[in-house]
């Protein structure tokens, strides 16, 4: 396909979002529907790890977006780069490094997860991989599971997020059937912790889930040491334990079966 013109600038935007979904939502507030741009999310490190945005377009078009970003308040920082030059910057000083980091990564094609790119509107349903690399900005498709059929189709699910690697846009996929490829990143309809995206500055939502992971295993081990029966399914029910307790002479000598209620 015809590639983008050489005269392009990059606008980096940071609102210190901890999640990609929040960044993509911010993108819809900044851009009009159908805008002809390349837009990416980036995991950046300044002033702490968070998700930032980058938008690549003609400098004139990006200058038109700056008032839109300013209208979102000082909590949203923006840095506009045209080559090596900083054209303009907005927002709290502490938030600008993340925006600059995203803009530089996009400018250099060294990183970025593309949300909008030329041809993305064509990636719906099942699309032959040959068409993906000829009608969109995606240069290569790489499967985590090795070689795939040249005539394979990409099962898009209407959600394709290639990444910049080594100066080109690469889509990572997986496959069980070498004729049907599935993007490695898929849409998650419901966030793992519900709709509440409120977090602290480090992106922390809670620590209780971590402690729950080992609880069932610890209880199962305790049951094994007390009864000699290795539990391999949940829930641990009394009737299951009674059915597996020893009933031979050793058990009779030890007295009645323990009360497991």
Protein backbone atom coordinates (compact mmCIF):
# COMPACT_ATOMS: atom_id res chain seq x y z
CA UNK A 1 0.00 0.00 0.00
CA UNK A 2 1.03 3.66 -0.29
CA UNK A 3 2.99 4.66 2.79
CA UNK A 4 2.52 7.85 4.76
CA UNK A 5 4.28 11.00 3.55
CA UNK A 6 7.68 11.79 5.03
CA UNK A 7 6.73 15.09 6.65
CA UNK A 8 5.22 13.80 9.86
CA UNK A 9 5.30 15.03 13.44
CA UNK A 10 4.39 13.24 16.66
CA UNK A 11 2.26 14.45 19.55
CA UNK A 12 2.91 12.67 22.84
CA UNK A 13 0.15 12.80 25.47
CA UNK A 14 0.23 11.67 29.10
CA UNK A 15 -2.49 11.70 31.74
CA UNK A 16 -0.65 9.13 33.93
CA UNK A 17 -3.17 6.42 33.04
CA UNK A 18 -2.30 3.02 34.58
CA UNK A 19 -4.20 1.03 31.95
CA UNK A 20 -4.20 0.85 28.16
CA UNK A 21 -7.99 0.96 28.03
CA UNK A 22 -7.93 4.39 29.70
CA UNK A 23 -5.44 5.62 27.10
CA UNK A 24 -7.59 4.40 24.24
CA UNK A 25 -10.58 6.17 25.79
CA UNK A 26 -8.54 9.38 25.99
CA UNK A 27 -7.69 8.96 22.31
CA UNK A 28 -11.38 9.07 21.39
CA UNK A 29 -11.69 12.37 23.27
CA UNK A 30 -8.78 13.92 21.39
CA UNK A 31 -9.40 12.68 17.86
CA UNK A 32 -12.41 13.03 15.63
CA UNK A 33 -13.82 9.79 14.22
CA UNK A 34 -12.09 8.69 11.04
CA UNK A 35 -8.97 10.81 11.59
CA UNK A 36 -6.08 9.81 9.32
CA UNK A 37 -3.30 9.29 11.83
CA UNK A 38 -1.09 6.65 13.38
CA UNK A 39 -1.87 6.49 17.11
CA UNK A 40 -0.14 4.28 19.69
CA UNK A 41 -0.11 3.53 23.38
CA UNK A 42 3.21 3.22 25.21
CA UNK A 43 4.28 1.90 28.60
CA UNK A 44 6.57 4.72 29.76
CA UNK A 45 8.63 5.17 32.91
CA UNK A 46 8.50 8.90 33.71
CA UNK A 47 7.64 10.06 36.33
CA UNK A 48 6.55 6.45 37.08
CA UNK A 49 5.34 3.54 34.97
CA UNK A 50 2.11 4.37 33.18
CA UNK A 51 0.45 4.29 29.78
CA UNK A 52 0.86 7.26 27.45
CA UNK A 53 -0.33 8.11 23.93
CA UNK A 54 1.38 9.16 20.73
CA UNK A 55 -0.27 10.50 17.57
CA UNK A 56 1.60 10.86 14.27
CA UNK A 57 0.30 13.13 11.52
CA UNK A 58 1.23 16.19 9.50
CA UNK A 59 2.49 18.99 11.81
CA UNK A 60 -0.40 21.22 10.74
CA UNK A 61 -2.95 18.63 11.79
CA UNK A 62 -1.27 18.03 15.15
CA UNK A 63 -1.11 21.76 15.89
CA UNK A 64 -4.87 21.78 15.45
CA UNK A 65 -5.13 19.11 18.18
CA UNK A 66 -3.15 21.08 20.76
CA UNK A 67 -6.14 23.32 21.75
CA UNK A 68 -8.21 20.15 22.17
CA UNK A 69 -5.64 18.71 24.58
CA UNK A 70 -5.40 22.02 26.44
CA UNK A 71 -9.16 21.92 26.87
CA UNK A 72 -8.74 18.73 28.92
CA UNK A 73 -6.85 20.67 31.61
CA UNK A 74 -3.35 20.67 33.04
CA UNK A 75 -3.78 17.05 34.21
CA UNK A 76 -3.17 16.03 30.59
CA UNK A 77 0.34 16.83 29.37
CA UNK A 78 1.35 17.03 25.72
CA UNK A 79 4.64 17.43 23.85
CA UNK A 80 4.70 18.03 20.07
CA UNK A 81 7.87 16.94 18.27
CA UNK A 82 8.72 17.79 14.67
CA UNK A 83 11.88 15.81 14.03
CA UNK A 84 14.32 16.69 16.81
CA UNK A 85 12.54 19.95 17.63
CA UNK A 86 9.95 20.49 20.35
CA UNK A 87 7.28 22.64 18.75
CA UNK A 88 5.10 23.11 21.82
CA UNK A 89 4.39 21.59 25.24
CA UNK A 90 1.42 21.74 27.57
CA UNK A 91 0.41 20.54 31.02
CA UNK A 92 2.08 20.07 34.37
CA UNK A 93 5.86 19.93 34.11
CA UNK A 94 6.02 16.64 36.04
CA UNK A 95 3.72 14.95 33.51
CA UNK A 96 5.56 16.03 30.38
CA UNK A 97 8.45 13.49 30.46
CA UNK A 98 6.04 10.61 29.88
CA UNK A 99 4.50 12.40 26.91
CA UNK A 100 7.94 13.12 25.48
CA UNK A 101 9.06 9.50 26.02
CA UNK A 102 6.05 8.23 24.06
CA UNK A 103 6.58 10.76 21.25
CA UNK A 104 10.26 9.84 20.87
CA UNK A 105 9.56 6.10 20.78
CA UNK A 106 6.93 6.66 18.08
CA UNK A 107 9.14 9.03 16.09
CA UNK A 108 12.02 6.54 16.11
CA UNK A 109 9.73 3.53 15.52
CA UNK A 110 11.40 1.88 18.51
CA UNK A 111 8.20 1.12 20.40
CA UNK A 112 4.48 1.65 20.55
CA UNK A 113 1.32 -0.42 20.34
CA UNK A 114 -0.69 0.84 17.39
CA UNK A 115 -4.39 1.50 17.91
CA UNK A 116 -4.97 3.50 14.71
CA UNK A 117 -2.94 3.01 11.55
CA UNK A 118 -3.53 2.99 7.77
CA UNK A 119 -5.82 0.13 6.80
CA UNK A 120 -7.05 -0.70 10.31
CA UNK A 121 -10.65 -0.21 9.13
CA UNK A 122 -10.16 -3.18 6.77
CA UNK A 123 -9.31 -5.60 9.56
CA UNK A 124 -12.72 -7.01 10.40
CA UNK A 125 -13.77 -10.64 10.32
CA UNK A 126 -11.33 -13.12 8.74
CA UNK A 127 -8.73 -11.51 6.47
CA UNK A 128 -6.09 -13.37 4.40
CA UNK A 129 -2.64 -12.64 5.80
CA UNK A 130 -1.44 -11.68 2.32
CA UNK A 131 -4.00 -8.88 2.29
CA UNK A 132 -3.05 -7.72 5.77
CA UNK A 133 0.52 -6.91 4.73
CA UNK A 134 -0.45 -5.40 1.37
CA UNK A 135 -3.45 -3.26 2.33
CA UNK A 136 -2.47 -2.03 5.81
CA UNK A 137 0.57 -0.48 7.47
CA UNK A 138 1.45 -3.85 9.07
CA UNK A 139 4.75 -5.01 7.57
CA UNK A 140 5.09 -8.46 9.10
CA UNK A 141 3.05 -11.10 10.92
CA UNK A 142 4.94 -13.27 13.41
CA UNK A 143 3.41 -16.32 15.09
CA UNK A 144 4.54 -17.32 18.56
CA UNK A 145 3.88 -20.93 17.50
CA UNK A 146 6.19 -21.03 14.50
CA UNK A 147 5.52 -21.29 10.79
CA UNK A 148 2.02 -20.97 9.37
CA UNK A 149 0.31 -21.58 6.04
CA UNK A 150 1.00 -18.77 3.50
CA UNK A 151 -2.72 -18.89 2.65
CA UNK A 152 -3.76 -18.55 6.30
CA UNK A 153 -6.38 -16.06 7.42
CA UNK A 154 -6.17 -13.65 10.33
CA UNK A 155 -9.14 -14.02 12.68
CA UNK A 156 -9.26 -10.36 13.69
CA UNK A 157 -12.24 -10.27 16.03
CA UNK A 158 -12.35 -6.59 15.07
CA UNK A 159 -9.39 -5.95 17.38
CA UNK A 160 -5.83 -5.76 16.01
CA UNK A 161 -2.95 -4.10 17.89
CA UNK A 162 0.43 -4.41 16.09
CA UNK A 163 3.59 -2.99 17.65
CA UNK A 164 6.57 -1.05 16.34
CA UNK A 165 9.69 -3.21 16.32
CA UNK A 166 12.91 -2.39 14.52
CA UNK A 167 11.33 0.43 12.57
CA UNK A 168 8.33 -1.51 11.24
CA UNK A 169 4.84 -2.40 12.38
CA UNK A 170 4.69 -6.06 13.41
CA UNK A 171 1.61 -8.08 14.38
CA UNK A 172 2.21 -10.93 16.82
CA UNK A 173 -0.21 -13.83 16.56
CA UNK A 174 -0.66 -17.39 17.77
CA UNK A 175 -2.21 -20.45 16.20
CA UNK A 176 -3.35 -24.00 16.85
CA UNK A 177 -4.39 -24.40 13.22
CA UNK A 178 -1.65 -23.03 10.92
CA UNK A 179 -4.40 -21.85 8.57
CA UNK A 180 -6.09 -19.62 11.17
CA UNK A 181 -4.11 -17.02 13.05
CA UNK A 182 -5.35 -15.15 16.12
CA UNK A 183 -3.83 -11.85 17.34
CA UNK A 184 -1.77 -12.39 20.48
CA UNK A 185 -3.57 -9.49 22.17
CA UNK A 186 -7.33 -9.93 22.29
CA UNK A 187 -10.04 -7.62 23.52
CA UNK A 188 -11.09 -8.17 27.14
CA UNK A 189 -14.81 -7.25 27.39
CA UNK A 190 -14.80 -6.95 31.19
CA UNK A 191 -11.81 -5.70 33.20
CA UNK A 192 -10.58 -8.28 35.67
CA UNK A 193 -11.51 -6.06 38.61
CA UNK A 194 -14.79 -4.67 37.26
CA UNK A 195 -15.41 -1.20 35.90
CA UNK A 196 -13.63 0.69 38.67
CA UNK A 197 -10.36 1.96 37.23
CA UNK A 198 -9.42 4.10 40.24
CA UNK A 199 -5.85 3.29 41.26
CA UNK A 200 -2.94 4.83 43.06
CA UNK A 201 -0.05 6.58 41.29
CA UNK A 202 1.75 3.24 40.84
CA UNK A 203 -1.26 1.58 39.24
CA UNK A 204 -2.04 -0.58 42.29
CA UNK A 205 -5.66 -1.69 42.77
CA UNK A 206 -5.33 -4.14 45.65
CA UNK A 207 -3.22 -6.88 47.19
CA UNK A 208 -5.88 -9.29 48.48
CA UNK A 209 -5.95 -11.36 45.30
CA UNK A 210 -2.30 -12.38 45.72
CA UNK A 211 -2.90 -13.79 49.18
CA UNK A 212 -5.83 -15.88 47.99
CA UNK A 213 -3.79 -17.84 45.46
CA UNK A 214 -2.07 -20.13 47.94
CA UNK A 215 -4.90 -20.48 50.46
CA UNK A 216 -6.65 -23.46 48.83
CA UNK A 217 -3.37 -25.33 48.37
CA UNK A 218 -2.40 -24.74 52.00
CA UNK A 219 -5.74 -26.08 53.24
CA UNK A 220 -5.47 -29.11 50.94
CA UNK A 221 -1.99 -29.84 52.31
CA UNK A 222 -3.30 -29.59 55.86
CA UNK A 223 -6.06 -32.10 55.02
CA UNK A 224 -3.45 -34.45 53.54
CA UNK A 225 -1.28 -34.34 56.65
CA UNK A 226 -4.31 -34.92 58.90
CA UNK A 227 -5.97 -37.71 56.89
CA UNK A 228 -3.46 -39.08 54.39
CA UNK A 229 -5.84 -38.24 51.52
CA UNK A 230 -4.47 -35.97 48.80
CA UNK A 231 -7.30 -33.65 47.70
CA UNK A 232 -7.19 -32.84 44.00
CA UNK A 233 -10.52 -31.09 43.50
CA UNK A 234 -12.48 -28.26 45.04
CA UNK A 235 -14.53 -27.76 47.10
CA UNK A 236 -13.10 -29.98 49.83
CA UNK A 237 -16.27 -31.71 51.02
CA UNK A 238 -16.61 -33.80 54.20
CA UNK A 239 -18.25 -36.68 52.30
CA UNK A 240 -15.22 -36.91 50.02
CA UNK A 241 -12.88 -37.17 52.98
CA UNK A 242 -14.98 -39.79 54.77
CA UNK A 243 -14.98 -41.92 51.64
CA UNK A 244 -11.18 -41.95 51.55
CA UNK A 245 -10.29 -42.35 55.21
CA UNK A 246 -8.53 -45.68 56.05
CA UNK A 247 -10.86 -48.34 57.48
CA UNK A 248 -8.37 -51.16 58.26
CA UNK A 249 -6.99 -52.41 61.60
CA UNK A 250 -4.70 -49.43 62.00
CA UNK A 251 -7.69 -47.14 61.86
CA UNK A 252 -9.66 -49.25 64.37
CA UNK A 253 -6.72 -49.25 66.77
CA UNK A 254 -6.55 -45.52 66.60
CA UNK A 255 -10.20 -45.28 67.59
CA UNK A 256 -13.16 -43.78 65.83
CA UNK A 257 -12.84 -41.73 62.68
CA UNK A 258 -12.07 -38.09 63.36
CA UNK A 259 -14.94 -35.67 63.41
CA UNK A 260 -14.50 -33.69 60.18
CA UNK A 261 -17.54 -31.53 60.62
